[in-house]
Each structure stands twice: as C-alpha cells, then as structure tokens.
Amino acid sequence: MYLVAIAWMYVVLMMSIVEALSPQGTWLGALFTFILYGLLPLGIVMYLLGTPMRRRARIALSSSGTPPDAGRHPAGEPVATERKEP
C-alpha cells in the first residue's frame, strides 16, 4: 500500500517540476498540481484504506477486558459529602 503511495507521489512531484520549469508553466500551477493531483487524493485514499485498521484497533481496545476505571481507585461518591459541625 505504501509503495503505491510513494510511487504516485514521485509521479506527481515530477509533473510539478515539469510544470514549474516549463516556459508556459508557473510555480503557482506547479503547487496546485502537487496539491490537487497528489496530496489531496492520496490523503483521502490512505484515510479510506486505513479504516479497517482503525476499526480493529477500536474493537480491540474496547474488548480488552479492562474495567473502565483501570487506575484502581476505590469507588465512592463523585462529590464529597458536606460535613456537619458537632
């Protein structure tokens, strides 16, 4: 998965360099080429491809069998009770 992403970024980088160095091209056009052909689509694809991994990690975390209070604090009142004067 990462090999394809690296190869795609290499192709987009070469496209941007060619556009920047072309007599009709501009640096701004090269920047937009790099962002709109490279970073944006690749970021979306990598996010979508990483969804199953994030889902497995979330399920493993929730079903690990540890209680919600893993700090071993004693259960008690959430608010301290008001003491009465003797």
PDB file of N, CA and C in Angstrom:
ATOM      1  N   MET A   1       0.828  -1.181   0.000  1.00  0.00           N
ATOM      2  CA  MET A   1       0.000   0.000   0.000  1.00  0.00           C
ATOM      3  C   MET A   1       0.883   1.260   0.000  1.00  0.00           C
ATOM      4  N   TYR A   2       1.921   1.241   0.838  1.00  0.00           N
ATOM      5  CA  TYR A   2       2.786   2.423   0.901  1.00  0.00           C
ATOM      6  C   TYR A   2       3.645   2.563  -0.347  1.00  0.00           C
ATOM      7  N   LEU A   3       3.989   1.465  -0.987  1.00  0.00           N
ATOM      8  CA  LEU A   3       4.801   1.527  -2.196  1.00  0.00           C
ATOM      9  C   LEU A   3       4.051   2.245  -3.314  1.00  0.00           C
ATOM     10  N   VAL A   4       2.771   1.961  -3.447  1.00  0.00           N
ATOM     11  CA  VAL A   4       1.960   2.639  -4.462  1.00  0.00           C
ATOM     12  C   VAL A   4       1.840   4.121  -4.138  1.00  0.00           C
ATOM     13  N   ALA A   5       1.673   4.457  -2.864  1.00  0.00           N
ATOM     14  CA  ALA A   5       1.562   5.865  -2.466  1.00  0.00           C
ATOM     15  C   ALA A   5       2.863   6.620  -2.752  1.00  0.00           C
ATOM     16  N   ILE A   6       3.988   5.991  -2.458  1.00  0.00           N
ATOM     17  CA  ILE A   6       5.281   6.636  -2.725  1.00  0.00           C
ATOM     18  C   ILE A   6       5.491   6.815  -4.221  1.00  0.00           C
ATOM     19  N   ALA A   7       5.133   5.807  -4.999  1.00  0.00           N
ATOM     20  CA  ALA A   7       5.286   5.904  -6.452  1.00  0.00           C
ATOM     21  C   ALA A   7       4.387   6.996  -7.017  1.00  0.00           C
ATOM     22  N   TRP A   8       3.158   7.086  -6.514  1.00  0.00           N
ATOM     23  CA  TRP A   8       2.253   8.127  -7.006  1.00  0.00           C
ATOM     24  C   TRP A   8       2.777   9.518  -6.664  1.00  0.00           C
ATOM     25  N   MET A   9       3.299   9.688  -5.453  1.00  0.00           N
ATOM     26  CA  MET A   9       3.847  10.996  -5.082  1.00  0.00           C
ATOM     27  C   MET A   9       5.068  11.340  -5.933  1.00  0.00           C
ATOM     28  N   TYR A  10       5.859  10.333  -6.309  1.00  0.00           N
ATOM     29  CA  TYR A  10       7.005  10.573  -7.189  1.00  0.00           C
ATOM     30  C   TYR A  10       6.523  11.078  -8.555  1.00  0.00           C
ATOM     31  N   VAL A  11       5.501  10.439  -9.107  1.00  0.00           N
ATOM     32  CA  VAL A  11       4.962  10.859 -10.405  1.00  0.00           C
ATOM     33  C   VAL A  11       4.416  12.278 -10.314  1.00  0.00           C
ATOM     34  N   VAL A  12       3.686  12.577  -9.253  1.00  0.00           N
ATOM     35  CA  VAL A  12       3.108  13.917  -9.103  1.00  0.00           C
ATOM     36  C   VAL A  12       4.211  14.953  -8.905  1.00  0.00           C
ATOM     37  N   LEU A  13       5.253  14.603  -8.171  1.00  0.00           N
ATOM     38  CA  LEU A  13       6.371  15.521  -7.988  1.00  0.00           C
ATOM     39  C   LEU A  13       7.043  15.826  -9.324  1.00  0.00           C
ATOM     40  N   MET A  14       7.239  14.802 -10.152  1.00  0.00           N
ATOM     41  CA  MET A  14       7.833  15.028 -11.476  1.00  0.00           C
ATOM     42  C   MET A  14       6.920  15.892 -12.345  1.00  0.00           C
ATOM     43  N   MET A  15       5.598  15.674 -12.267  1.00  0.00           N
ATOM     44  CA  MET A  15       4.663  16.517 -13.016  1.00  0.00           C
ATOM     45  C   MET A  15       4.776  17.970 -12.572  1.00  0.00           C
ATOM     46  N   SER A  16       4.906  18.177 -11.263  1.00  0.00           N
ATOM     47  CA  SER A  16       5.000  19.541 -10.740  1.00  0.00           C
ATOM     48  C   SER A  16       6.301  20.208 -11.168  1.00  0.00           C
ATOM     49  N   ILE A  17       7.379  19.457 -11.146  1.00  0.00           N
ATOM     50  CA  ILE A  17       8.663  20.022 -11.568  1.00  0.00           C
ATOM     51  C   ILE A  17       8.628  20.409 -13.038  1.00  0.00           C
ATOM     52  N   VAL A  18       8.053  19.541 -13.867  1.00  0.00           N
ATOM     53  CA  VAL A  18       7.950  19.848 -15.293  1.00  0.00           C
ATOM     54  C   VAL A  18       7.097  21.080 -15.511  1.00  0.00           C
ATOM     55  N   GLU A  19       6.012  21.195 -14.779  1.00  0.00           N
ATOM     56  CA  GLU A  19       5.162  22.372 -14.955  1.00  0.00           C
ATOM     57  C   GLU A  19       5.863  23.641 -14.483  1.00  0.00           C
ATOM     58  N   ALA A  20       6.627  23.541 -13.409  1.00  0.00           N
ATOM     59  CA  ALA A  20       7.311  24.732 -12.895  1.00  0.00           C
ATOM     60  C   ALA A  20       8.408  25.192 -13.835  1.00  0.00           C
ATOM     61  N   LEU A  21       9.091  24.255 -14.486  1.00  0.00           N
ATOM     62  CA  LEU A  21      10.217  24.610 -15.351  1.00  0.00           C
ATOM     63  C   LEU A  21       9.813  24.842 -16.800  1.00  0.00           C
ATOM     64  N   SER A  22       8.573  24.595 -17.136  1.00  0.00           N
ATOM     65  CA  SER A  22       8.092  24.797 -18.492  1.00  0.00           C
ATOM     66  C   SER A  22       7.982  26.294 -18.794  1.00  0.00           C
ATOM     67  N   PRO A  23       8.211  26.679 -20.047  1.00  0.00           N
ATOM     68  CA  PRO A  23       8.070  28.110 -20.396  1.00  0.00           C
ATOM     69  C   PRO A  23       6.635  28.621 -20.204  1.00  0.00           C
ATOM     70  N   GLN A  24       5.653  27.785 -20.376  1.00  0.00           N
ATOM     71  CA  GLN A  24       4.271  28.218 -20.201  1.00  0.00           C
ATOM     72  C   GLN A  24       3.778  27.977 -18.771  1.00  0.00           C
ATOM     73  N   GLY A  25       4.522  27.252 -17.964  1.00  0.00           N
ATOM     74  CA  GLY A  25       4.082  26.906 -16.623  1.00  0.00           C
ATOM     75  C   GLY A  25       4.483  27.955 -15.593  1.00  0.00           C
ATOM     76  N   THR A  26       3.875  27.869 -14.420  1.00  0.00           N
ATOM     77  CA  THR A  26       4.187  28.777 -13.327  1.00  0.00           C
ATOM     78  C   THR A  26       4.423  27.966 -12.061  1.00  0.00           C
ATOM     79  N   TRP A  27       5.036  28.623 -11.082  1.00  0.00           N
ATOM     80  CA  TRP A  27       5.243  27.960  -9.787  1.00  0.00           C
ATOM     81  C   TRP A  27       3.911  27.728  -9.082  1.00  0.00           C
ATOM     82  N   LEU A  28       2.994  28.659  -9.255  1.00  0.00           N
ATOM     83  CA  LEU A  28       1.672  28.503  -8.651  1.00  0.00           C
ATOM     84  C   LEU A  28       0.935  27.308  -9.257  1.00  0.00           C
ATOM     85  N   GLY A  29       1.047  27.153 -10.568  1.00  0.00           N
ATOM     86  CA  GLY A  29       0.441  25.995 -11.228  1.00  0.00           C
ATOM     87  C   GLY A  29       1.068  24.700 -10.761  1.00  0.00           C
ATOM     88  N   ALA A  30       2.375  24.723 -10.541  1.00  0.00           N
ATOM     89  CA  ALA A  30       3.056  23.526 -10.038  1.00  0.00           C
ATOM     90  C   ALA A  30       2.596  23.196  -8.628  1.00  0.00           C
ATOM     91  N   LEU A  31       2.391  24.206  -7.820  1.00  0.00           N
ATOM     92  CA  LEU A  31       1.912  23.985  -6.455  1.00  0.00           C
ATOM     93  C   LEU A  31       0.508  23.380  -6.463  1.00  0.00           C
ATOM     94  N   PHE A  32      -0.367  23.939  -7.295  1.00  0.00           N
ATOM     95  CA  PHE A  32      -1.718  23.396  -7.387  1.00  0.00           C
ATOM     96  C   PHE A  32      -1.726  21.989  -7.968  1.00  0.00           C
ATOM     97  N   THR A  33      -0.842  21.722  -8.916  1.00  0.00           N
ATOM     98  CA  THR A  33      -0.726  20.365  -9.451  1.00  0.00           C
ATOM     99  C   THR A  33      -0.322  19.399  -8.351  1.00  0.00           C
ATOM    100  N   PHE A  34       0.644  19.785  -7.543  1.00  0.00           N
ATOM    101  CA  PHE A  34       1.113  18.909  -6.470  1.00  0.00           C
ATOM    102  C   PHE A  34       0.017  18.665  -5.429  1.00  0.00           C
ATOM    103  N   ILE A  35      -0.714  19.715  -5.077  1.00  0.00           N
ATOM    104  CA  ILE A  35      -1.752  19.573  -4.061  1.00  0.00           C
ATOM    105  C   ILE A  35      -2.971  18.829  -4.597  1.00  0.00           C
ATOM    106  N   LEU A  36      -3.470  19.244  -5.781  1.00  0.00           N
ATOM    107  CA  LEU A  36      -4.729  18.691  -6.282  1.00  0.00           C
ATOM    108  C   LEU A  36      -4.572  17.329  -6.953  1.00  0.00           C
ATOM    109  N   TYR A  37      -3.393  17.004  -7.472  1.00  0.00           N
ATOM    110  CA  TYR A  37      -3.177  15.681  -8.059  1.00  0.00           C
ATOM    111  C   TYR A  37      -2.479  14.730  -7.101  1.00  0.00           C
ATOM    112  N   GLY A  38      -1.830  15.278  -6.084  1.00  0.00           N
ATOM    113  CA  GLY A  38      -1.034  14.432  -5.213  1.00  0.00           C
ATOM    114  C   GLY A  38      -1.537  14.346  -3.794  1.00  0.00           C
ATOM    115  N   LEU A  39      -1.381  15.415  -3.041  1.00  0.00           N
ATOM    116  CA  LEU A  39      -1.667  15.365  -1.605  1.00  0.00           C
ATOM    117  C   LEU A  39      -3.131  15.103  -1.287  1.00  0.00           C
ATOM    118  N   LEU A  40      -4.025  15.818  -1.908  1.00  0.00           N
ATOM    119  CA  LEU A  40      -5.441  15.686  -1.585  1.00  0.00           C
ATOM    120  C   LEU A  40      -5.994  14.300  -1.925  1.00  0.00           C
ATOM    121  N   PRO A  41      -5.849  13.805  -3.161  1.00  0.00           N
ATOM    122  CA  PRO A  41      -6.388  12.473  -3.452  1.00  0.00           C
ATOM    123  C   PRO A  41      -5.686  11.365  -2.667  1.00  0.00           C
ATOM    124  N   LEU A  42      -4.385  11.488  -2.493  1.00  0.00           N
ATOM    125  CA  LEU A  42      -3.655  10.454  -1.768  1.00  0.00           C
ATOM    126  C   LEU A  42      -4.051  10.448  -0.292  1.00  0.00           C
ATOM    127  N   GLY A  43      -4.273  11.599   0.284  1.00  0.00           N
ATOM    128  CA  GLY A  43      -4.723  11.666   1.671  1.00  0.00           C
ATOM    129  C   GLY A  43      -6.080  11.013   1.853  1.00  0.00           C
ATOM    130  N   ILE A  44      -6.989  11.236   0.924  1.00  0.00           N
ATOM    131  CA  ILE A  44      -8.321  10.628   1.003  1.00  0.00           C
ATOM    132  C   ILE A  44      -8.225   9.116   0.851  1.00  0.00           C
ATOM    133  N   VAL A  45      -7.450   8.654  -0.115  1.00  0.00           N
ATOM    134  CA  VAL A  45      -7.315   7.212  -0.349  1.00  0.00           C
ATOM    135  C   VAL A  45      -6.653   6.530   0.839  1.00  0.00           C
ATOM    136  N   MET A  46      -5.613   7.120   1.397  1.00  0.00           N
ATOM    137  CA  MET A  46      -4.935   6.500   2.532  1.00  0.00           C
ATOM    138  C   MET A  46      -5.854   6.483   3.760  1.00  0.00           C
ATOM    139  N   TYR A  47      -6.668   7.501   3.944  1.00  0.00           N
ATOM    140  CA  TYR A  47      -7.619   7.520   5.052  1.00  0.00           C
ATOM    141  C   TYR A  47      -8.644   6.397   4.886  1.00  0.00           C
ATOM    142  N   LEU A  48      -9.173   6.246   3.680  1.00  0.00           N
ATOM    143  CA  LEU A  48     -10.166   5.202   3.438  1.00  0.00           C
ATOM    144  C   LEU A  48      -9.560   3.807   3.562  1.00  0.00           C
ATOM    145  N   LEU A  49      -8.342   3.624   3.113  1.00  0.00           N
ATOM    146  CA  LEU A  49      -7.706   2.314   3.212  1.00  0.00           C
ATOM    147  C   LEU A  49      -7.313   1.981   4.651  1.00  0.00           C
ATOM    148  N   GLY A  50      -7.149   2.977   5.489  1.00  0.00           N
ATOM    149  CA  GLY A  50      -6.796   2.740   6.880  1.00  0.00           C
ATOM    150  C   GLY A  50      -7.989   2.523   7.784  1.00  0.00           C
ATOM    151  N   THR A  51      -9.214   2.628   7.240  1.00  0.00           N
ATOM    152  CA  THR A  51     -10.417   2.468   8.055  1.00  0.00           C
ATOM    153  C   THR A  51     -10.508   1.098   8.723  1.00  0.00           C
ATOM    154  N   PRO A  52     -10.274  -0.010   8.019  1.00  0.00           N
ATOM    155  CA  PRO A  52     -10.359  -1.308   8.709  1.00  0.00           C
ATOM    156  C   PRO A  52      -9.350  -1.447   9.848  1.00  0.00           C
ATOM    157  N   MET A  53      -8.170  -0.897   9.683  1.00  0.00           N
ATOM    158  CA  MET A  53      -7.167  -0.976  10.732  1.00  0.00           C
ATOM    159  C   MET A  53      -7.608  -0.181  11.966  1.00  0.00           C
ATOM    160  N   ARG A  54      -8.172   1.010  11.751  1.00  0.00           N
ATOM    161  CA  ARG A  54      -8.658   1.806  12.877  1.00  0.00           C
ATOM    162  C   ARG A  54      -9.830   1.120  13.558  1.00  0.00           C
ATOM    163  N   ARG A  55     -10.698   0.472  12.781  1.00  0.00           N
ATOM    164  CA  ARG A  55     -11.843  -0.229  13.363  1.00  0.00           C
ATOM    165  C   ARG A  55     -11.367  -1.407  14.214  1.00  0.00           C
ATOM    166  N   ARG A  56     -10.397  -2.181  13.724  1.00  0.00           N
ATOM    167  CA  ARG A  56      -9.871  -3.301  14.505  1.00  0.00           C
ATOM    168  C   ARG A  56      -9.226  -2.814  15.796  1.00  0.00           C
ATOM    169  N   ALA A  57      -8.512  -1.706  15.729  1.00  0.00           N
ATOM    170  CA  ALA A  57      -7.863  -1.171  16.929  1.00  0.00           C
ATOM    171  C   ALA A  57      -8.900  -0.702  17.942  1.00  0.00           C
ATOM    172  N   ARG A  58      -9.968  -0.082  17.468  1.00  0.00           N
ATOM    173  CA  ARG A  58     -11.015   0.384  18.377  1.00  0.00           C
ATOM    174  C   ARG A  58     -11.728  -0.782  19.037  1.00  0.00           C
ATOM    175  N   ILE A  59     -12.012  -1.837  18.269  1.00  0.00           N
ATOM    176  CA  ILE A  59     -12.680  -3.014  18.834  1.00  0.00           C
ATOM    177  C   ILE A  59     -11.767  -3.721  19.826  1.00  0.00           C
ATOM    178  N   ALA A  60     -10.488  -3.833  19.501  1.00  0.00           N
ATOM    179  CA  ALA A  60      -9.545  -4.482  20.413  1.00  0.00           C
ATOM    180  C   ALA A  60      -9.415  -3.695  21.708  1.00  0.00           C
ATOM    181  N   LEU A  61      -9.469  -2.388  21.627  1.00  0.00           N
ATOM    182  CA  LEU A  61      -9.360  -1.559  22.823  1.00  0.00           C
ATOM    183  C   LEU A  61     -10.602  -1.694  23.703  1.00  0.00           C
ATOM    184  N   SER A  62     -11.770  -1.743  23.080  1.00  0.00           N
ATOM    185  CA  SER A  62     -12.998  -1.818  23.870  1.00  0.00           C
ATOM    186  C   SER A  62     -13.240  -3.215  24.428  1.00  0.00           C
ATOM    187  N   SER A  63     -12.736  -4.248  23.800  1.00  0.00           N
ATOM    188  CA  SER A  63     -12.964  -5.608  24.283  1.00  0.00           C
ATOM    189  C   SER A  63     -11.733  -6.196  24.962  1.00  0.00           C
ATOM    190  N   SER A  64     -10.878  -5.366  25.492  1.00  0.00           N
ATOM    191  CA  SER A  64      -9.662  -5.870  26.111  1.00  0.00           C
ATOM    192  C   SER A  64      -9.906  -6.442  27.497  1.00  0.00           C
ATOM    193  N   GLY A  65     -11.091  -6.239  28.056  1.00  0.00           N
ATOM    194  CA  GLY A  65     -11.429  -6.819  29.342  1.00  0.00           C
ATOM    195  C   GLY A  65     -11.027  -5.973  30.530  1.00  0.00           C
ATOM    196  N   THR A  66     -10.442  -4.817  30.332  1.00  0.00           N
ATOM    197  CA  THR A  66     -10.086  -3.959  31.448  1.00  0.00           C
ATOM    198  C   THR A  66     -11.309  -3.160  31.869  1.00  0.00           C
ATOM    199  N   PRO A  67     -11.480  -2.977  33.168  1.00  0.00           N
ATOM    200  CA  PRO A  67     -12.627  -2.189  33.619  1.00  0.00           C
ATOM    201  C   PRO A  67     -12.441  -0.720  33.240  1.00  0.00           C
ATOM    202  N   PRO A  68     -13.514   0.052  33.214  1.00  0.00           N
ATOM    203  CA  PRO A  68     -13.395   1.453  32.839  1.00  0.00           C
ATOM    204  C   PRO A  68     -12.452   2.238  33.736  1.00  0.00           C
ATOM    205  N   ASP A  69     -12.410   1.890  35.038  1.00  0.00           N
ATOM    206  CA  ASP A  69     -11.503   2.583  35.943  1.00  0.00           C
ATOM    207  C   ASP A  69     -10.299   1.681  36.176  1.00  0.00           C
ATOM    208  N   ALA A  70      -9.330   1.772  35.300  1.00  0.00           N
ATOM    209  CA  ALA A  70      -8.149   0.922  35.411  1.00  0.00           C
ATOM    210  C   ALA A  70      -7.121   1.517  36.352  1.00  0.00           C
ATOM    211  N   GLY A  71      -7.424   2.638  36.993  1.00  0.00           N
ATOM    212  CA  GLY A  71      -6.480   3.262  37.904  1.00  0.00           C
ATOM    213  C   GLY A  71      -6.518   2.678  39.295  1.00  0.00           C
ATOM    214  N   ARG A  72      -7.382   1.699  39.549  1.00  0.00           N
ATOM    215  CA  ARG A  72      -7.530   1.022  40.838  1.00  0.00           C
ATOM    216  C   ARG A  72      -7.895   1.982  41.973  1.00  0.00           C
ATOM    217  N   HIS A  73      -8.697   2.985  41.641  1.00  0.00           N
ATOM    218  CA  HIS A  73      -9.197   3.896  42.663  1.00  0.00           C
ATOM    219  C   HIS A  73     -10.463   3.296  43.260  1.00  0.00           C
ATOM    220  N   PRO A  74     -10.677   3.463  44.542  1.00  0.00           N
ATOM    221  CA  PRO A  74     -11.892   2.906  45.129  1.00  0.00           C
ATOM    222  C   PRO A  74     -13.126   3.664  44.638  1.00  0.00           C
ATOM    223  N   ALA A  75     -14.203   2.920  44.465  1.00  0.00           N
ATOM    224  CA  ALA A  75     -15.446   3.551  44.055  1.00  0.00           C
ATOM    225  C   ALA A  75     -15.999   4.344  45.225  1.00  0.00           C
ATOM    226  N   GLY A  76     -16.551   5.459  44.954  1.00  0.00           N
ATOM    227  CA  GLY A  76     -17.098   6.281  46.025  1.00  0.00           C
ATOM    228  C   GLY A  76     -18.042   7.312  45.466  1.00  0.00           C
ATOM    229  N   GLU A  77     -18.396   8.240  46.306  1.00  0.00           N
ATOM    230  CA  GLU A  77     -19.284   9.301  45.879  1.00  0.00           C
ATOM    231  C   GLU A  77     -18.523  10.232  44.937  1.00  0.00           C
ATOM    232  N   PRO A  78     -19.182  10.667  43.869  1.00  0.00           N
ATOM    233  CA  PRO A  78     -18.494  11.564  42.948  1.00  0.00           C
ATOM    234  C   PRO A  78     -18.259  12.948  43.545  1.00  0.00           C
ATOM    235  N   VAL A  79     -19.091  13.332  44.529  1.00  0.00           N
ATOM    236  CA  VAL A  79     -18.938  14.627  45.166  1.00  0.00           C
ATOM    237  C   VAL A  79     -18.780  14.373  46.665  1.00  0.00           C
ATOM    238  N   ALA A  80     -17.858  15.065  47.286  1.00  0.00           N
ATOM    239  CA  ALA A  80     -17.645  14.889  48.721  1.00  0.00           C
ATOM    240  C   ALA A  80     -18.885  15.342  49.484  1.00  0.00           C
ATOM    241  N   THR A  81     -19.240  14.598  50.502  1.00  0.00           N
ATOM    242  CA  THR A  81     -20.400  14.954  51.303  1.00  0.00           C
ATOM    243  C   THR A  81     -20.080  16.161  52.181  1.00  0.00           C
ATOM    244  N   GLU A  82     -21.116  16.887  52.540  1.00  0.00           N
ATOM    245  CA  GLU A  82     -20.933  18.092  53.368  1.00  0.00           C
ATOM    246  C   GLU A  82     -20.894  17.657  54.827  1.00  0.00           C
ATOM    247  N   ARG A  83     -19.874  18.089  55.515  1.00  0.00           N
ATOM    248  CA  ARG A  83     -19.741  17.722  56.931  1.00  0.00           C
ATOM    249  C   ARG A  83     -20.550  18.670  57.795  1.00  0.00           C
ATOM    250  N   LYS A  84     -21.154  18.107  58.851  1.00  0.00           N
ATOM    251  CA  LYS A  84     -21.915  18.932  59.807  1.00  0.00           C
ATOM    252  C   LYS A  84     -21.024  19.217  60.995  1.00  0.00           C
ATOM    253  N   GLU A  85     -21.186  20.398  61.510  1.00  0.00           N
ATOM    254  CA  GLU A  85     -20.429  20.790  62.685  1.00  0.00           C
ATOM    255  C   GLU A  85     -20.983  20.080  63.907  1.00  0.00           C
ATOM    256  N   PRO A  86     -20.132  19.572  64.806  1.00  0.00           N
ATOM    257  CA  PRO A  86     -20.636  18.893  66.001  1.00  0.00           C
ATOM    258  C   PRO A  86     -21.187  19.849  67.025  1.00  0.00           C
TER     259      PRO A  86
END
